[in-house]
mmCIF file of all heavy atoms, coordinates in Angstrom:
data_MODEL
# 
_entry.id   MODEL 
# 
loop_
_atom_site.group_PDB 
_atom_site.id 
_atom_site.type_symbol 
_atom_site.label_atom_id 
_atom_site.label_alt_id 
_atom_site.label_comp_id 
_atom_site.label_asym_id 
_atom_site.label_entity_id 
_atom_site.label_seq_id 
_atom_site.pdbx_PDB_ins_code 
_atom_site.Cartn_x 
_atom_site.Cartn_y 
_atom_site.Cartn_z 
_atom_site.occupancy 
_atom_site.B_iso_or_equiv 
_atom_site.pdbx_formal_charge 
_atom_site.auth_seq_id 
_atom_site.auth_comp_id 
_atom_site.auth_asym_id 
_atom_site.auth_atom_id 
_atom_site.pdbx_PDB_model_num 
ATOM 1   N N   . ASN A 1 1  ? -0.734  1.681  8.783   1.00 0.00 ? 1  ASN A N   1 
ATOM 2   C CA  . ASN A 1 1  ? -1.593  0.484  9.146   1.00 0.00 ? 1  ASN A CA  1 
ATOM 3   C C   . ASN A 1 1  ? -2.782  0.473  8.140   1.00 0.00 ? 1  ASN A C   1 
ATOM 4   O O   . ASN A 1 1  ? -3.619  1.321  8.090   1.00 0.00 ? 1  ASN A O   1 
ATOM 5   C CB  . ASN A 1 1  ? -2.129  0.609  10.556  1.00 0.00 ? 1  ASN A CB  1 
ATOM 6   C CG  . ASN A 1 1  ? -1.067  0.639  11.622  1.00 0.00 ? 1  ASN A CG  1 
ATOM 7   O OD1 . ASN A 1 1  ? -0.180  -0.175 11.593  1.00 0.00 ? 1  ASN A OD1 1 
ATOM 8   N ND2 . ASN A 1 1  ? -1.041  1.678  12.437  1.00 0.00 ? 1  ASN A ND2 1 
ATOM 9   N N   . ASN A 1 2  ? -2.814  -0.653 7.382   1.00 0.00 ? 2  ASN A N   1 
ATOM 10  C CA  . ASN A 1 2  ? -3.996  -1.052 6.616   1.00 0.00 ? 2  ASN A CA  1 
ATOM 11  C C   . ASN A 1 2  ? -4.894  -1.783 7.610   1.00 0.00 ? 2  ASN A C   1 
ATOM 12  O O   . ASN A 1 2  ? -4.813  -3.045 7.590   1.00 0.00 ? 2  ASN A O   1 
ATOM 13  C CB  . ASN A 1 2  ? -3.608  -1.799 5.398   1.00 0.00 ? 2  ASN A CB  1 
ATOM 14  C CG  . ASN A 1 2  ? -4.805  -2.061 4.514   1.00 0.00 ? 2  ASN A CG  1 
ATOM 15  O OD1 . ASN A 1 2  ? -5.974  -1.968 4.913   1.00 0.00 ? 2  ASN A OD1 1 
ATOM 16  N ND2 . ASN A 1 2  ? -4.483  -2.564 3.323   1.00 0.00 ? 2  ASN A ND2 1 
ATOM 17  N N   . VAL A 1 3  ? -5.756  -1.096 8.331   1.00 0.00 ? 3  VAL A N   1 
ATOM 18  C CA  . VAL A 1 3  ? -6.385  -1.622 9.473   1.00 0.00 ? 3  VAL A CA  1 
ATOM 19  C C   . VAL A 1 3  ? -7.340  -2.853 9.018   1.00 0.00 ? 3  VAL A C   1 
ATOM 20  O O   . VAL A 1 3  ? -7.394  -3.881 9.708   1.00 0.00 ? 3  VAL A O   1 
ATOM 21  C CB  . VAL A 1 3  ? -7.233  -0.587 10.209  1.00 0.00 ? 3  VAL A CB  1 
ATOM 22  C CG1 . VAL A 1 3  ? -8.042  -1.193 11.321  1.00 0.00 ? 3  VAL A CG1 1 
ATOM 23  C CG2 . VAL A 1 3  ? -6.220  0.506  10.693  1.00 0.00 ? 3  VAL A CG2 1 
ATOM 24  N N   . VAL A 1 4  ? -8.130  -2.594 7.897   1.00 0.00 ? 4  VAL A N   1 
ATOM 25  C CA  . VAL A 1 4  ? -9.076  -3.623 7.532   1.00 0.00 ? 4  VAL A CA  1 
ATOM 26  C C   . VAL A 1 4  ? -8.404  -4.963 7.152   1.00 0.00 ? 4  VAL A C   1 
ATOM 27  O O   . VAL A 1 4  ? -8.862  -5.975 7.442   1.00 0.00 ? 4  VAL A O   1 
ATOM 28  C CB  . VAL A 1 4  ? -9.928  -3.055 6.305   1.00 0.00 ? 4  VAL A CB  1 
ATOM 29  C CG1 . VAL A 1 4  ? -10.949 -4.119 5.882   1.00 0.00 ? 4  VAL A CG1 1 
ATOM 30  C CG2 . VAL A 1 4  ? -10.716 -1.843 6.849   1.00 0.00 ? 4  VAL A CG2 1 
ATOM 31  N N   . ALA A 1 5  ? -7.244  -4.772 6.508   1.00 0.00 ? 5  ALA A N   1 
ATOM 32  C CA  . ALA A 1 5  ? -6.487  -5.966 5.995   1.00 0.00 ? 5  ALA A CA  1 
ATOM 33  C C   . ALA A 1 5  ? -5.590  -6.552 7.171   1.00 0.00 ? 5  ALA A C   1 
ATOM 34  O O   . ALA A 1 5  ? -5.032  -7.681 7.039   1.00 0.00 ? 5  ALA A O   1 
ATOM 35  C CB  . ALA A 1 5  ? -5.657  -5.563 4.822   1.00 0.00 ? 5  ALA A CB  1 
ATOM 36  N N   . GLY A 1 6  ? -5.453  -5.798 8.196   1.00 0.00 ? 6  GLY A N   1 
ATOM 37  C CA  . GLY A 1 6  ? -4.629  -6.277 9.360   1.00 0.00 ? 6  GLY A CA  1 
ATOM 38  C C   . GLY A 1 6  ? -3.140  -6.255 9.128   1.00 0.00 ? 6  GLY A C   1 
ATOM 39  O O   . GLY A 1 6  ? -2.311  -7.083 9.516   1.00 0.00 ? 6  GLY A O   1 
ATOM 40  N N   . GLU A 1 7  ? -2.689  -5.259 8.235   1.00 0.00 ? 7  GLU A N   1 
ATOM 41  C CA  . GLU A 1 7  ? -1.357  -5.165 7.826   1.00 0.00 ? 7  GLU A CA  1 
ATOM 42  C C   . GLU A 1 7  ? -0.734  -3.907 8.332   1.00 0.00 ? 7  GLU A C   1 
ATOM 43  O O   . GLU A 1 7  ? -1.419  -2.846 8.387   1.00 0.00 ? 7  GLU A O   1 
ATOM 44  C CB  . GLU A 1 7  ? -1.254  -5.183 6.257   1.00 0.00 ? 7  GLU A CB  1 
ATOM 45  C CG  . GLU A 1 7  ? -1.802  -6.284 5.607   1.00 0.00 ? 7  GLU A CG  1 
ATOM 46  C CD  . GLU A 1 7  ? -1.818  -6.214 4.122   1.00 0.00 ? 7  GLU A CD  1 
ATOM 47  O OE1 . GLU A 1 7  ? -2.093  -5.141 3.661   1.00 0.00 ? 7  GLU A OE1 1 
ATOM 48  O OE2 . GLU A 1 7  ? -1.731  -7.205 3.407   1.00 0.00 ? 7  GLU A OE2 1 
ATOM 49  N N   . SER A 1 8  ? 0.556   -3.930 8.724   1.00 0.00 ? 8  SER A N   1 
ATOM 50  C CA  . SER A 1 8  ? 1.319   -2.783 9.179   1.00 0.00 ? 8  SER A CA  1 
ATOM 51  C C   . SER A 1 8  ? 2.582   -2.645 8.407   1.00 0.00 ? 8  SER A C   1 
ATOM 52  O O   . SER A 1 8  ? 3.257   -3.666 8.154   1.00 0.00 ? 8  SER A O   1 
ATOM 53  C CB  . SER A 1 8  ? 1.541   -2.858 10.670  1.00 0.00 ? 8  SER A CB  1 
ATOM 54  O OG  . SER A 1 8  ? 0.326   -2.620 11.369  1.00 0.00 ? 8  SER A OG  1 
ATOM 55  N N   . PHE A 1 9  ? 2.936   -1.414 8.089   1.00 0.00 ? 9  PHE A N   1 
ATOM 56  C CA  . PHE A 1 9  ? 4.204   -1.315 7.346   1.00 0.00 ? 9  PHE A CA  1 
ATOM 57  C C   . PHE A 1 9  ? 5.060   -0.262 8.047   1.00 0.00 ? 9  PHE A C   1 
ATOM 58  O O   . PHE A 1 9  ? 4.529   0.805  8.512   1.00 0.00 ? 9  PHE A O   1 
ATOM 59  C CB  . PHE A 1 9  ? 3.908   -0.831 5.930   1.00 0.00 ? 9  PHE A CB  1 
ATOM 60  C CG  . PHE A 1 9  ? 3.017   -1.794 5.153   1.00 0.00 ? 9  PHE A CG  1 
ATOM 61  C CD1 . PHE A 1 9  ? 1.707   -1.744 5.212   1.00 0.00 ? 9  PHE A CD1 1 
ATOM 62  C CD2 . PHE A 1 9  ? 3.573   -2.894 4.388   1.00 0.00 ? 9  PHE A CD2 1 
ATOM 63  C CE1 . PHE A 1 9  ? 0.929   -2.583 4.521   1.00 0.00 ? 9  PHE A CE1 1 
ATOM 64  C CE2 . PHE A 1 9  ? 2.808   -3.736 3.750   1.00 0.00 ? 9  PHE A CE2 1 
ATOM 65  C CZ  . PHE A 1 9  ? 1.465   -3.685 3.764   1.00 0.00 ? 9  PHE A CZ  1 
ATOM 66  N N   . ARG A 1 10 ? 6.334   -0.427 8.207   1.00 0.00 ? 10 ARG A N   1 
ATOM 67  C CA  . ARG A 1 10 ? 7.303   0.468  8.753   1.00 0.00 ? 10 ARG A CA  1 
ATOM 68  C C   . ARG A 1 10 ? 8.515   0.580  7.949   1.00 0.00 ? 10 ARG A C   1 
ATOM 69  O O   . ARG A 1 10 ? 8.883   -0.316 7.106   1.00 0.00 ? 10 ARG A O   1 
ATOM 70  C CB  . ARG A 1 10 ? 7.723   -0.061 10.103  1.00 0.00 ? 10 ARG A CB  1 
ATOM 71  C CG  . ARG A 1 10 ? 6.671   -0.107 11.160  1.00 0.00 ? 10 ARG A CG  1 
ATOM 72  C CD  . ARG A 1 10 ? 7.295   -0.792 12.439  1.00 0.00 ? 10 ARG A CD  1 
ATOM 73  N NE  . ARG A 1 10 ? 6.275   -0.792 13.417  1.00 0.00 ? 10 ARG A NE  1 
ATOM 74  C CZ  . ARG A 1 10 ? 6.211   0.040  14.524  1.00 0.00 ? 10 ARG A CZ  1 
ATOM 75  N NH1 . ARG A 1 10 ? 7.222   0.931  14.604  1.00 0.00 ? 10 ARG A NH1 1 
ATOM 76  N NH2 . ARG A 1 10 ? 5.280   -0.087 15.359  1.00 0.00 ? 10 ARG A NH2 1 
ATOM 77  N N   . GLY A 1 11 ? 9.315   1.600  8.054   1.00 0.00 ? 11 GLY A N   1 
ATOM 78  C CA  . GLY A 1 11 ? 10.669  1.727  7.522   1.00 0.00 ? 11 GLY A CA  1 
ATOM 79  C C   . GLY A 1 11 ? 10.662  1.511  6.097   1.00 0.00 ? 11 GLY A C   1 
ATOM 80  O O   . GLY A 1 11 ? 9.888   2.114  5.279   1.00 0.00 ? 11 GLY A O   1 
ATOM 81  N N   . GLU A 1 12 ? 11.541  0.701  5.583   1.00 0.00 ? 12 GLU A N   1 
ATOM 82  C CA  . GLU A 1 12 ? 11.730  0.410  4.183   1.00 0.00 ? 12 GLU A CA  1 
ATOM 83  C C   . GLU A 1 12 ? 10.523  -0.184 3.503   1.00 0.00 ? 12 GLU A C   1 
ATOM 84  O O   . GLU A 1 12 ? 10.360  -0.169 2.275   1.00 0.00 ? 12 GLU A O   1 
ATOM 85  C CB  . GLU A 1 12 ? 12.916  -0.542 3.929   1.00 0.00 ? 12 GLU A CB  1 
ATOM 86  C CG  . GLU A 1 12 ? 12.759  -1.915 4.518   1.00 0.00 ? 12 GLU A CG  1 
ATOM 87  C CD  . GLU A 1 12 ? 14.154  -2.636 4.276   1.00 0.00 ? 12 GLU A CD  1 
ATOM 88  O OE1 . GLU A 1 12 ? 15.119  -2.232 4.738   1.00 0.00 ? 12 GLU A OE1 1 
ATOM 89  O OE2 . GLU A 1 12 ? 13.993  -3.824 3.780   1.00 0.00 ? 12 GLU A OE2 1 
ATOM 90  N N   . HIS A 1 13 ? 9.574   -0.725 4.321   1.00 0.00 ? 13 HIS A N   1 
ATOM 91  C CA  . HIS A 1 13 ? 8.312   -1.420 3.752   1.00 0.00 ? 13 HIS A CA  1 
ATOM 92  C C   . HIS A 1 13 ? 7.175   -0.419 3.665   1.00 0.00 ? 13 HIS A C   1 
ATOM 93  O O   . HIS A 1 13 ? 6.108   -0.773 3.254   1.00 0.00 ? 13 HIS A O   1 
ATOM 94  C CB  . HIS A 1 13 ? 8.024   -2.639 4.628   1.00 0.00 ? 13 HIS A CB  1 
ATOM 95  C CG  . HIS A 1 13 ? 9.113   -3.630 4.530   1.00 0.00 ? 13 HIS A CG  1 
ATOM 96  N ND1 . HIS A 1 13 ? 9.242   -4.450 3.476   1.00 0.00 ? 13 HIS A ND1 1 
ATOM 97  C CD2 . HIS A 1 13 ? 9.954   -4.037 5.500   1.00 0.00 ? 13 HIS A CD2 1 
ATOM 98  C CE1 . HIS A 1 13 ? 10.272  -5.225 3.680   1.00 0.00 ? 13 HIS A CE1 1 
ATOM 99  N NE2 . HIS A 1 13 ? 10.717  -5.012 4.907   1.00 0.00 ? 13 HIS A NE2 1 
ATOM 100 N N   . LEU A 1 14 ? 7.356   0.789  3.994   1.00 0.00 ? 14 LEU A N   1 
ATOM 101 C CA  . LEU A 1 14 ? 6.235   1.805  3.937   1.00 0.00 ? 14 LEU A CA  1 
ATOM 102 C C   . LEU A 1 14 ? 5.648   1.963  2.461   1.00 0.00 ? 14 LEU A C   1 
ATOM 103 O O   . LEU A 1 14 ? 4.436   2.192  2.437   1.00 0.00 ? 14 LEU A O   1 
ATOM 104 C CB  . LEU A 1 14 ? 6.715   3.259  4.497   1.00 0.00 ? 14 LEU A CB  1 
ATOM 105 C CG  . LEU A 1 14 ? 6.801   3.409  5.866   1.00 0.00 ? 14 LEU A CG  1 
ATOM 106 C CD1 . LEU A 1 14 ? 7.380   4.741  6.284   1.00 0.00 ? 14 LEU A CD1 1 
ATOM 107 C CD2 . LEU A 1 14 ? 5.318   3.352  6.500   1.00 0.00 ? 14 LEU A CD2 1 
ATOM 108 N N   . GLY A 1 15 ? 6.441   1.732  1.513   1.00 0.00 ? 15 GLY A N   1 
ATOM 109 C CA  . GLY A 1 15 ? 5.963   1.886  0.204   1.00 0.00 ? 15 GLY A CA  1 
ATOM 110 C C   . GLY A 1 15 ? 5.388   0.654  -0.429  1.00 0.00 ? 15 GLY A C   1 
ATOM 111 O O   . GLY A 1 15 ? 4.861   0.645  -1.514  1.00 0.00 ? 15 GLY A O   1 
ATOM 112 N N   . ASP A 1 16 ? 5.460   -0.471 0.273   1.00 0.00 ? 16 ASP A N   1 
ATOM 113 C CA  . ASP A 1 16 ? 4.943   -1.757 -0.273  1.00 0.00 ? 16 ASP A CA  1 
ATOM 114 C C   . ASP A 1 16 ? 3.499   -1.710 -0.757  1.00 0.00 ? 16 ASP A C   1 
ATOM 115 O O   . ASP A 1 16 ? 3.099   -2.159 -1.833  1.00 0.00 ? 16 ASP A O   1 
ATOM 116 C CB  . ASP A 1 16 ? 5.074   -2.849 0.807   1.00 0.00 ? 16 ASP A CB  1 
ATOM 117 C CG  . ASP A 1 16 ? 6.562   -3.234 1.006   1.00 0.00 ? 16 ASP A CG  1 
ATOM 118 O OD1 . ASP A 1 16 ? 7.465   -2.659 0.409   1.00 0.00 ? 16 ASP A OD1 1 
ATOM 119 O OD2 . ASP A 1 16 ? 6.855   -4.076 1.924   1.00 0.00 ? 16 ASP A OD2 1 
ATOM 120 N N   . GLN A 1 17 ? 2.607   -1.146 0.126   1.00 0.00 ? 17 GLN A N   1 
ATOM 121 C CA  . GLN A 1 17 ? 1.239   -0.988 -0.255  1.00 0.00 ? 17 GLN A CA  1 
ATOM 122 C C   . GLN A 1 17 ? 0.984   -0.162 -1.522  1.00 0.00 ? 17 GLN A C   1 
ATOM 123 O O   . GLN A 1 17 ? 0.149   -0.431 -2.331  1.00 0.00 ? 17 GLN A O   1 
ATOM 124 C CB  . GLN A 1 17 ? 0.374   -0.487 0.877   1.00 0.00 ? 17 GLN A CB  1 
ATOM 125 C CG  . GLN A 1 17 ? -1.058  -0.551 0.713   1.00 0.00 ? 17 GLN A CG  1 
ATOM 126 C CD  . GLN A 1 17 ? -1.617  -2.004 0.763   1.00 0.00 ? 17 GLN A CD  1 
ATOM 127 O OE1 . GLN A 1 17 ? -0.999  -2.907 1.361   1.00 0.00 ? 17 GLN A OE1 1 
ATOM 128 N NE2 . GLN A 1 17 ? -2.745  -2.217 0.135   1.00 0.00 ? 17 GLN A NE2 1 
ATOM 129 N N   . VAL A 1 18 ? 1.772   0.908  -1.652  1.00 0.00 ? 18 VAL A N   1 
ATOM 130 C CA  . VAL A 1 18 ? 1.684   1.768  -2.779  1.00 0.00 ? 18 VAL A CA  1 
ATOM 131 C C   . VAL A 1 18 ? 2.085   1.067  -4.038  1.00 0.00 ? 18 VAL A C   1 
ATOM 132 O O   . VAL A 1 18 ? 1.308   1.199  -5.062  1.00 0.00 ? 18 VAL A O   1 
ATOM 133 C CB  . VAL A 1 18 ? 2.605   2.996  -2.585  1.00 0.00 ? 18 VAL A CB  1 
ATOM 134 C CG1 . VAL A 1 18 ? 2.582   3.874  -3.890  1.00 0.00 ? 18 VAL A CG1 1 
ATOM 135 C CG2 . VAL A 1 18 ? 2.062   3.857  -1.407  1.00 0.00 ? 18 VAL A CG2 1 
ATOM 136 N N   . VAL A 1 19 ? 3.132   0.287  -3.974  1.00 0.00 ? 19 VAL A N   1 
ATOM 137 C CA  . VAL A 1 19 ? 3.572   -0.479 -5.108  1.00 0.00 ? 19 VAL A CA  1 
ATOM 138 C C   . VAL A 1 19 ? 2.475   -1.548 -5.528  1.00 0.00 ? 19 VAL A C   1 
ATOM 139 O O   . VAL A 1 19 ? 2.137   -1.630 -6.674  1.00 0.00 ? 19 VAL A O   1 
ATOM 140 C CB  . VAL A 1 19 ? 4.861   -1.272 -4.924  1.00 0.00 ? 19 VAL A CB  1 
ATOM 141 C CG1 . VAL A 1 19 ? 5.230   -2.233 -5.940  1.00 0.00 ? 19 VAL A CG1 1 
ATOM 142 C CG2 . VAL A 1 19 ? 6.041   -0.237 -4.710  1.00 0.00 ? 19 VAL A CG2 1 
ATOM 143 N N   . THR A 1 20 ? 1.906   -2.212 -4.567  1.00 0.00 ? 20 THR A N   1 
ATOM 144 C CA  . THR A 1 20 ? 0.845   -3.184 -4.794  1.00 0.00 ? 20 THR A CA  1 
ATOM 145 C C   . THR A 1 20 ? -0.329  -2.500 -5.510  1.00 0.00 ? 20 THR A C   1 
ATOM 146 O O   . THR A 1 20 ? -0.880  -3.060 -6.473  1.00 0.00 ? 20 THR A O   1 
ATOM 147 C CB  . THR A 1 20 ? 0.426   -3.835 -3.547  1.00 0.00 ? 20 THR A CB  1 
ATOM 148 O OG1 . THR A 1 20 ? 1.496   -4.542 -2.970  1.00 0.00 ? 20 THR A OG1 1 
ATOM 149 C CG2 . THR A 1 20 ? -0.773  -4.867 -3.716  1.00 0.00 ? 20 THR A CG2 1 
ATOM 150 N N   . MET A 1 21 ? -0.826  -1.408 -4.960  1.00 0.00 ? 21 MET A N   1 
ATOM 151 C CA  . MET A 1 21 ? -2.023  -0.749 -5.599  1.00 0.00 ? 21 MET A CA  1 
ATOM 152 C C   . MET A 1 21 ? -1.685  -0.158 -6.830  1.00 0.00 ? 21 MET A C   1 
ATOM 153 O O   . MET A 1 21 ? -2.533  -0.035 -7.676  1.00 0.00 ? 21 MET A O   1 
ATOM 154 C CB  . MET A 1 21 ? -2.451  0.326  -4.572  1.00 0.00 ? 21 MET A CB  1 
ATOM 155 C CG  . MET A 1 21 ? -3.129  -0.174 -3.296  1.00 0.00 ? 21 MET A CG  1 
ATOM 156 S SD  . MET A 1 21 ? -4.474  -1.295 -3.550  1.00 0.00 ? 21 MET A SD  1 
ATOM 157 C CE  . MET A 1 21 ? -5.716  -0.196 -4.180  1.00 0.00 ? 21 MET A CE  1 
ATOM 158 N N   . GLY A 1 22 ? -0.500  0.398  -7.032  1.00 0.00 ? 22 GLY A N   1 
ATOM 159 C CA  . GLY A 1 22 ? -0.048  0.860  -8.392  1.00 0.00 ? 22 GLY A CA  1 
ATOM 160 C C   . GLY A 1 22 ? -0.115  -0.204 -9.479  1.00 0.00 ? 22 GLY A C   1 
ATOM 161 O O   . GLY A 1 22 ? -0.400  0.153  -10.603 1.00 0.00 ? 22 GLY A O   1 
ATOM 162 N N   . ARG A 1 23 ? 0.224   -1.476 -9.123  1.00 0.00 ? 23 ARG A N   1 
ATOM 163 C CA  . ARG A 1 23 ? 0.011   -2.554 -10.090 1.00 0.00 ? 23 ARG A CA  1 
ATOM 164 C C   . ARG A 1 23 ? -1.391  -2.838 -10.451 1.00 0.00 ? 23 ARG A C   1 
ATOM 165 O O   . ARG A 1 23 ? -1.716  -3.085 -11.610 1.00 0.00 ? 23 ARG A O   1 
ATOM 166 C CB  . ARG A 1 23 ? 0.702   -3.851 -9.585  1.00 0.00 ? 23 ARG A CB  1 
ATOM 167 C CG  . ARG A 1 23 ? 2.250   -3.733 -9.577  1.00 0.00 ? 23 ARG A CG  1 
ATOM 168 C CD  . ARG A 1 23 ? 2.768   -5.155 -9.151  1.00 0.00 ? 23 ARG A CD  1 
ATOM 169 N NE  . ARG A 1 23 ? 4.243   -4.906 -8.871  1.00 0.00 ? 23 ARG A NE  1 
ATOM 170 C CZ  . ARG A 1 23 ? 4.783   -5.284 -7.745  1.00 0.00 ? 23 ARG A CZ  1 
ATOM 171 N NH1 . ARG A 1 23 ? 4.272   -5.849 -6.824  1.00 0.00 ? 23 ARG A NH1 1 
ATOM 172 N NH2 . ARG A 1 23 ? 6.140   -5.106 -7.664  1.00 0.00 ? 23 ARG A NH2 1 
ATOM 173 N N   . LEU A 1 24 ? -2.298  -2.853 -9.476  1.00 0.00 ? 24 LEU A N   1 
ATOM 174 C CA  . LEU A 1 24 ? -3.611  -3.089 -9.567  1.00 0.00 ? 24 LEU A CA  1 
ATOM 175 C C   . LEU A 1 24 ? -4.416  -1.954 -10.350 1.00 0.00 ? 24 LEU A C   1 
ATOM 176 O O   . LEU A 1 24 ? -5.178  -2.262 -11.201 1.00 0.00 ? 24 LEU A O   1 
ATOM 177 C CB  . LEU A 1 24 ? -4.340  -3.384 -8.282  1.00 0.00 ? 24 LEU A CB  1 
ATOM 178 C CG  . LEU A 1 24 ? -5.738  -3.722 -8.198  1.00 0.00 ? 24 LEU A CG  1 
ATOM 179 C CD1 . LEU A 1 24 ? -5.974  -5.066 -8.859  1.00 0.00 ? 24 LEU A CD1 1 
ATOM 180 C CD2 . LEU A 1 24 ? -6.182  -3.844 -6.713  1.00 0.00 ? 24 LEU A CD2 1 
ATOM 181 N N   . VAL A 1 25 ? -4.071  -0.695 -9.821  1.00 0.00 ? 25 VAL A N   1 
ATOM 182 C CA  . VAL A 1 25 ? -4.789  0.438  -10.373 1.00 0.00 ? 25 VAL A CA  1 
ATOM 183 C C   . VAL A 1 25 ? -3.701  1.539  -10.638 1.00 0.00 ? 25 VAL A C   1 
ATOM 184 O O   . VAL A 1 25 ? -3.401  2.388  -9.811  1.00 0.00 ? 25 VAL A O   1 
ATOM 185 C CB  . VAL A 1 25 ? -5.809  1.001  -9.331  1.00 0.00 ? 25 VAL A CB  1 
ATOM 186 C CG1 . VAL A 1 25 ? -6.592  2.104  -9.835  1.00 0.00 ? 25 VAL A CG1 1 
ATOM 187 C CG2 . VAL A 1 25 ? -6.731  -0.122 -8.803  1.00 0.00 ? 25 VAL A CG2 1 
ATOM 188 N N   . PRO A 1 26 ? -3.085  1.542  -11.861 1.00 0.00 ? 26 PRO A N   1 
ATOM 189 C CA  . PRO A 1 26 ? -1.969  2.424  -12.125 1.00 0.00 ? 26 PRO A CA  1 
ATOM 190 C C   . PRO A 1 26 ? -2.313  3.877  -12.070 1.00 0.00 ? 26 PRO A C   1 
ATOM 191 O O   . PRO A 1 26 ? -1.446  4.713  -11.740 1.00 0.00 ? 26 PRO A O   1 
ATOM 192 C CB  . PRO A 1 26 ? -1.549  2.054  -13.570 1.00 0.00 ? 26 PRO A CB  1 
ATOM 193 C CG  . PRO A 1 26 ? -2.073  0.710  -13.775 1.00 0.00 ? 26 PRO A CG  1 
ATOM 194 C CD  . PRO A 1 26 ? -3.275  0.569  -12.922 1.00 0.00 ? 26 PRO A CD  1 
ATOM 195 N N   . ASP A 1 27 ? -3.570  4.202  -12.319 1.00 0.00 ? 27 ASP A N   1 
ATOM 196 C CA  . ASP A 1 27 ? -3.843  5.636  -12.291 1.00 0.00 ? 27 ASP A CA  1 
ATOM 197 C C   . ASP A 1 27 ? -4.594  6.030  -10.886 1.00 0.00 ? 27 ASP A C   1 
ATOM 198 O O   . ASP A 1 27 ? -5.346  6.931  -10.814 1.00 0.00 ? 27 ASP A O   1 
ATOM 199 C CB  . ASP A 1 27 ? -4.873  6.032  -13.399 1.00 0.00 ? 27 ASP A CB  1 
ATOM 200 C CG  . ASP A 1 27 ? -6.246  5.321  -13.423 1.00 0.00 ? 27 ASP A CG  1 
ATOM 201 O OD1 . ASP A 1 27 ? -6.325  4.256  -12.638 1.00 0.00 ? 27 ASP A OD1 1 
ATOM 202 O OD2 . ASP A 1 27 ? -7.107  5.683  -14.102 1.00 0.00 ? 27 ASP A OD2 1 
ATOM 203 N N   . ILE A 1 28 ? -4.258  5.328  -9.889  1.00 0.00 ? 28 ILE A N   1 
ATOM 204 C CA  . ILE A 1 28 ? -4.923  5.509  -8.557  1.00 0.00 ? 28 ILE A CA  1 
ATOM 205 C C   . ILE A 1 28 ? -4.639  6.819  -8.058  1.00 0.00 ? 28 ILE A C   1 
ATOM 206 O O   . ILE A 1 28 ? -3.753  7.495  -8.284  1.00 0.00 ? 28 ILE A O   1 
ATOM 207 C CB  . ILE A 1 28 ? -4.234  4.435  -7.520  1.00 0.00 ? 28 ILE A CB  1 
ATOM 208 C CG1 . ILE A 1 28 ? -5.141  4.405  -6.266  1.00 0.00 ? 28 ILE A CG1 1 
ATOM 209 C CG2 . ILE A 1 28 ? -2.905  4.758  -7.268  1.00 0.00 ? 28 ILE A CG2 1 
ATOM 210 C CD1 . ILE A 1 28 ? -4.755  3.210  -5.306  1.00 0.00 ? 28 ILE A CD1 1 
ATOM 211 N N   . HIS A 1 29 ? -5.757  7.411  -7.480  1.00 0.00 ? 29 HIS A N   1 
ATOM 212 C CA  . HIS A 1 29 ? -5.752  8.718  -6.878  1.00 0.00 ? 29 HIS A CA  1 
ATOM 213 C C   . HIS A 1 29 ? -6.805  8.771  -5.756  1.00 0.00 ? 29 HIS A C   1 
ATOM 214 O O   . HIS A 1 29 ? -7.695  7.924  -5.670  1.00 0.00 ? 29 HIS A O   1 
ATOM 215 C CB  . HIS A 1 29 ? -5.978  9.867  -7.856  1.00 0.00 ? 29 HIS A CB  1 
ATOM 216 C CG  . HIS A 1 29 ? -7.336  9.778  -8.552  1.00 0.00 ? 29 HIS A CG  1 
ATOM 217 N ND1 . HIS A 1 29 ? -7.548  8.952  -9.548  1.00 0.00 ? 29 HIS A ND1 1 
ATOM 218 C CD2 . HIS A 1 29 ? -8.390  10.437 -8.419  1.00 0.00 ? 29 HIS A CD2 1 
ATOM 219 C CE1 . HIS A 1 29 ? -8.808  9.086  -10.021 1.00 0.00 ? 29 HIS A CE1 1 
ATOM 220 N NE2 . HIS A 1 29 ? -9.320  10.038 -9.303  1.00 0.00 ? 29 HIS A NE2 1 
ATOM 221 N N   . ARG A 1 30 ? -6.615  9.802  -4.908  1.00 0.00 ? 30 ARG A N   1 
ATOM 222 C CA  . ARG A 1 30 ? -7.549  9.891  -3.744  1.00 0.00 ? 30 ARG A CA  1 
ATOM 223 C C   . ARG A 1 30 ? -8.443  11.122 -3.999  1.00 0.00 ? 30 ARG A C   1 
ATOM 224 O O   . ARG A 1 30 ? -7.900  12.193 -4.317  1.00 0.00 ? 30 ARG A O   1 
ATOM 225 C CB  . ARG A 1 30 ? -6.779  10.120 -2.493  1.00 0.00 ? 30 ARG A CB  1 
ATOM 226 C CG  . ARG A 1 30 ? -5.985  8.797  -2.158  1.00 0.00 ? 30 ARG A CG  1 
ATOM 227 C CD  . ARG A 1 30 ? -4.956  9.088  -1.045  1.00 0.00 ? 30 ARG A CD  1 
ATOM 228 N NE  . ARG A 1 30 ? -4.616  7.846  -0.366  1.00 0.00 ? 30 ARG A NE  1 
ATOM 229 C CZ  . ARG A 1 30 ? -5.033  7.460  0.706   1.00 0.00 ? 30 ARG A CZ  1 
ATOM 230 N NH1 . ARG A 1 30 ? -5.831  8.229  1.528   1.00 0.00 ? 30 ARG A NH1 1 
ATOM 231 N NH2 . ARG A 1 30 ? -4.721  6.321  1.183   1.00 0.00 ? 30 ARG A NH2 1 
# 
């Protein structure tokens, strides 16, 4: 759950947010 954006991802869509962030910030890390 991306709580602030009001988005939830399950199953095959779990990686969608990772793909989106990877395009915006390819060297993303925590």
